[in-house]
């Protein structure tokens, strides 16, 4: 299929159905790019089953005792911590099998709750609002990003922050050789343009603080 050919795949972020285009194909999956929000996404028919997805996550060896993992997480922790009032209350959404960010924020004087659909399935924590929410290496796994961002944004207090860490896609040539797309659990790929669209949709203040770190502040309105 030509990269110029429009397809009728429904964008999972903005809902756009017209003008989306074939973007890339490898030996495992097909990728499409939304003409409206620029999200790159995998067809739902090529998503892993819940069981297969969990098996991939179980391979992760993250640990709070791993200094290199803490250094990696500091890319999100440091800029977000600098923007928080003392003793803020947060949520680590998608904390994974080796929760660590909540400890780093606790060491800095904050308190965090944990949620993960596989490893910390505590739905009651999604009934509160928070000064900040972290989603580190999470949003690329969203099967329904429109629903997930709506849920997350509803949990952020006015003036609060949503901190996202995910590698941002560039052009089509770079995508073809990008290791990040090779993880079978990664089904949504965001670019700077997509994050700008999302910030406008959320009526949020957008800060791109690193190549893979995005901060959204709730300054007015709701999703």
C-alpha atoms as a PDB file:
ATOM      1  CA  UNK A   1       0.000   0.000   0.000  1.00  0.00           C
ATOM      2  CA  UNK A   2       1.331   3.444  -0.862  1.00  0.00           C
ATOM      3  CA  UNK A   3       2.122   5.848   1.981  1.00  0.00           C
ATOM      4  CA  UNK A   4      -0.056   8.348   0.128  1.00  0.00           C
ATOM      5  CA  UNK A   5      -3.120   6.155   0.261  1.00  0.00           C
ATOM      6  CA  UNK A   6      -5.828   7.203   2.715  1.00  0.00           C
ATOM      7  CA  UNK A   7      -7.416   4.527   4.903  1.00  0.00           C
ATOM      8  CA  UNK A   8     -10.524   4.388   7.024  1.00  0.00           C
ATOM      9  CA  UNK A   9      -8.885   3.365  10.291  1.00  0.00           C
ATOM     10  CA  UNK A  10     -10.428   5.186  13.229  1.00  0.00           C
ATOM     11  CA  UNK A  11      -7.792   7.215  15.117  1.00  0.00           C
ATOM     12  CA  UNK A  12      -7.771   5.976  18.741  1.00  0.00           C
ATOM     13  CA  UNK A  13      -6.816   9.415  20.077  1.00  0.00           C
ATOM     14  CA  UNK A  14      -8.960  11.981  18.262  1.00  0.00           C
ATOM     15  CA  UNK A  15     -11.531   9.788  16.537  1.00  0.00           C
ATOM     16  CA  UNK A  16     -10.716  11.016  13.045  1.00  0.00           C
ATOM     17  CA  UNK A  17     -11.749   8.498  10.392  1.00  0.00           C
ATOM     18  CA  UNK A  18     -10.985  10.301   7.143  1.00  0.00           C
ATOM     19  CA  UNK A  19      -7.630  11.129   5.644  1.00  0.00           C
ATOM     20  CA  UNK A  20      -5.574   8.802   7.864  1.00  0.00           C
ATOM     21  CA  UNK A  21      -2.733   7.314   5.884  1.00  0.00           C
ATOM     22  CA  UNK A  22      -0.639   4.195   5.766  1.00  0.00           C
ATOM     23  CA  UNK A  23       2.686   5.171   7.342  1.00  0.00           C
ATOM     24  CA  UNK A  24       4.948   2.131   7.607  1.00  0.00           C
ATOM     25  CA  UNK A  25       4.975  -1.661   7.460  1.00  0.00           C
ATOM     26  CA  UNK A  26       7.426  -4.116   8.978  1.00  0.00           C
ATOM     27  CA  UNK A  27       7.368  -7.900   9.185  1.00  0.00           C
ATOM     28  CA  UNK A  28       5.038  -7.837  12.171  1.00  0.00           C
ATOM     29  CA  UNK A  29       2.656  -4.873  11.945  1.00  0.00           C
ATOM     30  CA  UNK A  30       1.163  -2.054   9.887  1.00  0.00           C
ATOM     31  CA  UNK A  31       1.322   1.539  11.119  1.00  0.00           C
ATOM     32  CA  UNK A  32      -0.986   4.419  10.242  1.00  0.00           C
ATOM     33  CA  UNK A  33      -0.789   8.159  10.827  1.00  0.00           C
ATOM     34  CA  UNK A  34      -3.785  10.279  11.723  1.00  0.00           C
ATOM     35  CA  UNK A  35      -4.321  13.258   9.431  1.00  0.00           C
ATOM     36  CA  UNK A  36      -5.851  15.265  12.292  1.00  0.00           C
ATOM     37  CA  UNK A  37      -3.689  14.758  15.414  1.00  0.00           C
ATOM     38  CA  UNK A  38      -0.670  13.091  13.736  1.00  0.00           C
ATOM     39  CA  UNK A  39      -0.748  10.082  16.072  1.00  0.00           C
ATOM     40  CA  UNK A  40       0.968   7.025  14.603  1.00  0.00           C
ATOM     41  CA  UNK A  41      -0.895   3.883  15.585  1.00  0.00           C
ATOM     42  CA  UNK A  42      -1.108   0.151  15.053  1.00  0.00           C
ATOM     43  CA  UNK A  43      -4.334  -1.414  13.841  1.00  0.00           C
ATOM     44  CA  UNK A  44      -6.301  -2.936  16.770  1.00  0.00           C
ATOM     45  CA  UNK A  45      -6.353  -6.244  14.901  1.00  0.00           C
ATOM     46  CA  UNK A  46      -2.580  -6.423  15.464  1.00  0.00           C
ATOM     47  CA  UNK A  47      -2.585  -5.682  19.191  1.00  0.00           C
ATOM     48  CA  UNK A  48      -1.395  -8.391  21.553  1.00  0.00           C
ATOM     49  CA  UNK A  49      -3.897 -10.254  23.678  1.00  0.00           C
ATOM     50  CA  UNK A  50      -4.068  -9.283  27.342  1.00  0.00           C
ATOM     51  CA  UNK A  51      -2.193 -12.445  28.303  1.00  0.00           C
ATOM     52  CA  UNK A  52       0.573 -11.912  25.746  1.00  0.00           C
ATOM     53  CA  UNK A  53       0.935  -8.286  26.773  1.00  0.00           C
ATOM     54  CA  UNK A  54       1.304  -9.260  30.442  1.00  0.00           C
ATOM     55  CA  UNK A  55       3.941 -11.832  29.483  1.00  0.00           C
ATOM     56  CA  UNK A  56       5.995  -9.098  27.807  1.00  0.00           C
ATOM     57  CA  UNK A  57       5.778  -6.870  30.887  1.00  0.00           C
ATOM     58  CA  UNK A  58       6.818  -9.757  33.140  1.00  0.00           C
ATOM     59  CA  UNK A  59      10.174  -9.749  31.335  1.00  0.00           C
ATOM     60  CA  UNK A  60      11.007  -6.318  32.758  1.00  0.00           C
ATOM     61  CA  UNK A  61      13.639  -6.297  35.479  1.00  0.00           C
ATOM     62  CA  UNK A  62      13.104  -2.798  36.888  1.00  0.00           C
ATOM     63  CA  UNK A  63      13.993  -2.283  40.545  1.00  0.00           C
ATOM     64  CA  UNK A  64      14.247   0.664  42.979  1.00  0.00           C
ATOM     65  CA  UNK A  65      17.730  -0.596  43.871  1.00  0.00           C
ATOM     66  CA  UNK A  66      18.912  -0.192  40.278  1.00  0.00           C
ATOM     67  CA  UNK A  67      20.766   3.138  40.093  1.00  0.00           C
ATOM     68  CA  UNK A  68      20.660   3.182  36.284  1.00  0.00           C
ATOM     69  CA  UNK A  69      16.881   2.822  36.374  1.00  0.00           C
ATOM     70  CA  UNK A  70      16.646   5.704  38.824  1.00  0.00           C
ATOM     71  CA  UNK A  71      18.837   7.777  36.524  1.00  0.00           C
ATOM     72  CA  UNK A  72      16.505   6.979  33.640  1.00  0.00           C
ATOM     73  CA  UNK A  73      13.424   7.975  35.664  1.00  0.00           C
ATOM     74  CA  UNK A  74      15.121  11.184  36.786  1.00  0.00           C
ATOM     75  CA  UNK A  75      14.488  12.537  33.288  1.00  0.00           C
ATOM     76  CA  UNK A  76      10.853  12.875  34.348  1.00  0.00           C
ATOM     77  CA  UNK A  77      11.308  13.183  38.096  1.00  0.00           C
ATOM     78  CA  UNK A  78      13.669  16.171  38.113  1.00  0.00           C
ATOM     79  CA  UNK A  79      11.722  18.672  35.955  1.00  0.00           C
ATOM     80  CA  UNK A  80       8.410  17.674  37.524  1.00  0.00           C
ATOM     81  CA  UNK A  81       9.694  17.897  41.096  1.00  0.00           C
ATOM     82  CA  UNK A  82      11.006  21.399  40.416  1.00  0.00           C
ATOM     83  CA  UNK A  83       7.478  22.523  39.536  1.00  0.00           C
ATOM     84  CA  UNK A  84       5.667  20.988  42.511  1.00  0.00           C
ATOM     85  CA  UNK A  85       4.768  22.718  45.781  1.00  0.00           C
ATOM     86  CA  UNK A  86       6.156  20.989  48.890  1.00  0.00           C
ATOM     87  CA  UNK A  87       4.319  17.889  50.097  1.00  0.00           C
ATOM     88  CA  UNK A  88       2.335  17.383  46.886  1.00  0.00           C
ATOM     89  CA  UNK A  89       0.066  14.378  46.393  1.00  0.00           C
ATOM     90  CA  UNK A  90       0.543  12.307  43.252  1.00  0.00           C
ATOM     91  CA  UNK A  91      -0.301   9.144  41.352  1.00  0.00           C
ATOM     92  CA  UNK A  92       2.114   6.901  39.488  1.00  0.00           C
ATOM     93  CA  UNK A  93      -0.133   5.594  36.699  1.00  0.00           C
ATOM     94  CA  UNK A  94       1.206   2.439  35.065  1.00  0.00           C
ATOM     95  CA  UNK A  95       3.872   1.883  37.695  1.00  0.00           C
ATOM     96  CA  UNK A  96       4.842  -1.538  36.338  1.00  0.00           C
ATOM     97  CA  UNK A  97       6.334  -4.520  38.159  1.00  0.00           C
ATOM     98  CA  UNK A  98       9.112  -2.553  39.890  1.00  0.00           C
ATOM     99  CA  UNK A  99       7.585   0.721  41.172  1.00  0.00           C
ATOM    100  CA  UNK A 100      10.303   3.298  41.762  1.00  0.00           C
ATOM    101  CA  UNK A 101       9.084   6.807  40.939  1.00  0.00           C
ATOM    102  CA  UNK A 102       6.870   6.898  44.032  1.00  0.00           C
ATOM    103  CA  UNK A 103       9.950   6.276  46.189  1.00  0.00           C
ATOM    104  CA  UNK A 104      11.916   9.019  44.459  1.00  0.00           C
ATOM    105  CA  UNK A 105       9.085  11.488  45.050  1.00  0.00           C
ATOM    106  CA  UNK A 106       8.675  10.293  48.642  1.00  0.00           C
ATOM    107  CA  UNK A 107      12.368  10.934  49.236  1.00  0.00           C
ATOM    108  CA  UNK A 108      11.740  14.483  47.976  1.00  0.00           C
ATOM    109  CA  UNK A 109       8.870  15.006  50.455  1.00  0.00           C
ATOM    110  CA  UNK A 110       5.860  14.076  48.323  1.00  0.00           C
ATOM    111  CA  UNK A 111       3.314  11.268  48.593  1.00  0.00           C
ATOM    112  CA  UNK A 112       2.191   9.026  45.741  1.00  0.00           C
ATOM    113  CA  UNK A 113      -0.362   6.325  45.148  1.00  0.00           C
ATOM    114  CA  UNK A 114       0.191   3.514  42.641  1.00  0.00           C
ATOM    115  CA  UNK A 115      -1.957   2.167  39.841  1.00  0.00           C
ATOM    116  CA  UNK A 116      -1.244  -0.420  37.182  1.00  0.00           C
ATOM    117  CA  UNK A 117      -3.837  -2.637  35.492  1.00  0.00           C
ATOM    118  CA  UNK A 118      -1.570  -5.666  35.944  1.00  0.00           C
ATOM    119  CA  UNK A 119       0.641  -5.005  38.964  1.00  0.00           C
ATOM    120  CA  UNK A 120      -1.288  -2.529  41.115  1.00  0.00           C
ATOM    121  CA  UNK A 121      -4.961  -2.916  40.125  1.00  0.00           C
ATOM    122  CA  UNK A 122      -6.388  -0.631  42.798  1.00  0.00           C
ATOM    123  CA  UNK A 123      -9.417   1.101  41.218  1.00  0.00           C
ATOM    124  CA  UNK A 124     -10.126   3.144  44.339  1.00  0.00           C
ATOM    125  CA  UNK A 125      -7.068   5.317  43.648  1.00  0.00           C
ATOM    126  CA  UNK A 126      -8.776   6.462  40.442  1.00  0.00           C
ATOM    127  CA  UNK A 127     -11.528   8.045  42.508  1.00  0.00           C
ATOM    128  CA  UNK A 128      -9.295  10.818  43.914  1.00  0.00           C
ATOM    129  CA  UNK A 129      -7.704  13.906  42.406  1.00  0.00           C
ATOM    130  CA  UNK A 130      -4.000  14.618  42.482  1.00  0.00           C
ATOM    131  CA  UNK A 131      -1.539  17.488  42.370  1.00  0.00           C
ATOM    132  CA  UNK A 132       0.458  15.514  39.834  1.00  0.00           C
ATOM    133  CA  UNK A 133       0.278  12.280  37.865  1.00  0.00           C
ATOM    134  CA  UNK A 134       3.194  10.482  36.244  1.00  0.00           C
ATOM    135  CA  UNK A 135       2.925   8.189  33.230  1.00  0.00           C
ATOM    136  CA  UNK A 136       6.438   6.932  32.575  1.00  0.00           C
ATOM    137  CA  UNK A 137       6.746   4.730  29.473  1.00  0.00           C
ATOM    138  CA  UNK A 138       2.980   4.194  29.606  1.00  0.00           C
ATOM    139  CA  UNK A 139       1.085   6.146  26.949  1.00  0.00           C
ATOM    140  CA  UNK A 140       2.627   4.219  24.059  1.00  0.00           C
ATOM    141  CA  UNK A 141       0.803   1.151  25.434  1.00  0.00           C
ATOM    142  CA  UNK A 142      -2.657   2.766  25.411  1.00  0.00           C
ATOM    143  CA  UNK A 143      -5.117   0.811  23.272  1.00  0.00           C
ATOM    144  CA  UNK A 144      -7.652   3.611  23.718  1.00  0.00           C
ATOM    145  CA  UNK A 145      -5.672   6.817  24.327  1.00  0.00           C
ATOM    146  CA  UNK A 146      -8.752   9.025  23.995  1.00  0.00           C
ATOM    147  CA  UNK A 147     -10.398   7.264  26.952  1.00  0.00           C
ATOM    148  CA  UNK A 148      -7.202   6.990  29.010  1.00  0.00           C
ATOM    149  CA  UNK A 149      -6.246  10.655  28.656  1.00  0.00           C
ATOM    150  CA  UNK A 150      -9.792  11.692  29.530  1.00  0.00           C
ATOM    151  CA  UNK A 151      -9.594   9.592  32.676  1.00  0.00           C
ATOM    152  CA  UNK A 152      -6.159  10.854  33.680  1.00  0.00           C
ATOM    153  CA  UNK A 153      -7.022  14.491  33.048  1.00  0.00           C
ATOM    154  CA  UNK A 154     -10.129  14.216  35.211  1.00  0.00           C
ATOM    155  CA  UNK A 155      -7.871  13.161  38.101  1.00  0.00           C
ATOM    156  CA  UNK A 156      -5.563  16.195  37.858  1.00  0.00           C
ATOM    157  CA  UNK A 157      -6.415  19.093  40.154  1.00  0.00           C
ATOM    158  CA  UNK A 158      -6.554  22.623  38.678  1.00  0.00           C
ATOM    159  CA  UNK A 159      -2.993  23.881  38.548  1.00  0.00           C
ATOM    160  CA  UNK A 160      -1.711  20.297  38.676  1.00  0.00           C
ATOM    161  CA  UNK A 161       0.548  18.413  36.305  1.00  0.00           C
ATOM    162  CA  UNK A 162       0.495  15.350  34.096  1.00  0.00           C
ATOM    163  CA  UNK A 163       4.060  14.208  33.481  1.00  0.00           C
ATOM    164  CA  UNK A 164       4.604  11.914  30.501  1.00  0.00           C
ATOM    165  CA  UNK A 165       7.739  10.089  29.468  1.00  0.00           C
ATOM    166  CA  UNK A 166       7.616   8.476  26.030  1.00  0.00           C
ATOM    167  CA  UNK A 167       9.942   8.638  23.067  1.00  0.00           C
ATOM    168  CA  UNK A 168       8.607  11.019  20.429  1.00  0.00           C
ATOM    169  CA  UNK A 169       8.342   9.975  16.798  1.00  0.00           C
ATOM    170  CA  UNK A 170      10.006  11.965  14.066  1.00  0.00           C
ATOM    171  CA  UNK A 171       9.699  11.575  10.304  1.00  0.00           C
ATOM    172  CA  UNK A 172       8.866   8.499   8.261  1.00  0.00           C
ATOM    173  CA  UNK A 173      12.492   7.689   7.437  1.00  0.00           C
ATOM    174  CA  UNK A 174      13.520   7.771  11.098  1.00  0.00           C
ATOM    175  CA  UNK A 175      10.503   5.694  12.073  1.00  0.00           C
ATOM    176  CA  UNK A 176      11.504   2.892   9.702  1.00  0.00           C
ATOM    177  CA  UNK A 177      14.701   2.270  11.691  1.00  0.00           C
ATOM    178  CA  UNK A 178      13.351   3.201  15.126  1.00  0.00           C
ATOM    179  CA  UNK A 179      13.879   0.557  17.810  1.00  0.00           C
ATOM    180  CA  UNK A 180      10.961   1.907  19.858  1.00  0.00           C
ATOM    181  CA  UNK A 181       8.363   0.594  17.420  1.00  0.00           C
ATOM    182  CA  UNK A 182       9.750  -2.941  17.723  1.00  0.00           C
ATOM    183  CA  UNK A 183       8.288  -3.514  21.183  1.00  0.00           C
ATOM    184  CA  UNK A 184       5.065  -5.440  20.456  1.00  0.00           C
ATOM    185  CA  UNK A 185       3.295  -3.741  23.370  1.00  0.00           C
ATOM    186  CA  UNK A 186       3.873  -0.277  21.868  1.00  0.00           C
ATOM    187  CA  UNK A 187       0.809   0.578  19.793  1.00  0.00           C
ATOM    188  CA  UNK A 188       0.653   4.414  19.848  1.00  0.00           C
ATOM    189  CA  UNK A 189       3.479   6.745  18.919  1.00  0.00           C
ATOM    190  CA  UNK A 190       3.336  10.449  19.693  1.00  0.00           C
ATOM    191  CA  UNK A 191       5.177  13.321  18.051  1.00  0.00           C
ATOM    192  CA  UNK A 192       5.592  16.947  19.088  1.00  0.00           C
ATOM    193  CA  UNK A 193       2.659  17.750  16.802  1.00  0.00           C
ATOM    194  CA  UNK A 194       0.497  15.150  18.558  1.00  0.00           C
ATOM    195  CA  UNK A 195       1.408  16.505  21.971  1.00  0.00           C
ATOM    196  CA  UNK A 196       0.533  20.034  20.814  1.00  0.00           C
ATOM    197  CA  UNK A 197      -2.834  18.737  19.596  1.00  0.00           C
ATOM    198  CA  UNK A 198      -3.412  16.976  22.924  1.00  0.00           C
ATOM    199  CA  UNK A 199      -2.524  20.088  24.933  1.00  0.00           C
ATOM    200  CA  UNK A 200      -4.996  22.139  22.902  1.00  0.00           C
ATOM    201  CA  UNK A 201      -7.680  19.496  23.379  1.00  0.00           C
ATOM    202  CA  UNK A 202      -7.092  19.433  27.139  1.00  0.00           C
ATOM    203  CA  UNK A 203      -6.734  23.213  27.373  1.00  0.00           C
ATOM    204  CA  UNK A 204      -3.381  22.532  29.005  1.00  0.00           C
ATOM    205  CA  UNK A 205      -0.094  24.359  29.177  1.00  0.00           C
ATOM    206  CA  UNK A 206       2.446  22.257  27.264  1.00  0.00           C
ATOM    207  CA  UNK A 207       6.122  22.013  28.148  1.00  0.00           C
ATOM    208  CA  UNK A 208       8.453  19.801  26.113  1.00  0.00           C
ATOM    209  CA  UNK A 209      11.315  19.572  28.575  1.00  0.00           C
ATOM    210  CA  UNK A 210      13.332  16.799  26.903  1.00  0.00           C
ATOM    211  CA  UNK A 211      13.267  14.624  23.815  1.00  0.00           C
ATOM    212  CA  UNK A 212      11.101  12.120  25.660  1.00  0.00           C
ATOM    213  CA  UNK A 213       9.533  14.141  28.494  1.00  0.00           C
ATOM    214  CA  UNK A 214       6.314  16.137  28.225  1.00  0.00           C
ATOM    215  CA  UNK A 215       4.614  18.102  30.995  1.00  0.00           C
ATOM    216  CA  UNK A 216       0.974  19.209  30.786  1.00  0.00           C
ATOM    217  CA  UNK A 217      -0.401  21.646  33.341  1.00  0.00           C
ATOM    218  CA  UNK A 218      -4.134  21.974  33.991  1.00  0.00           C
ATOM    219  CA  UNK A 219      -4.675  25.701  33.842  1.00  0.00           C
ATOM    220  CA  UNK A 220      -8.300  25.986  32.718  1.00  0.00           C
ATOM    221  CA  UNK A 221     -11.265  23.925  31.589  1.00  0.00           C
ATOM    222  CA  UNK A 222     -11.782  20.198  31.461  1.00  0.00           C
ATOM    223  CA  UNK A 223     -11.255  17.509  28.837  1.00  0.00           C
END
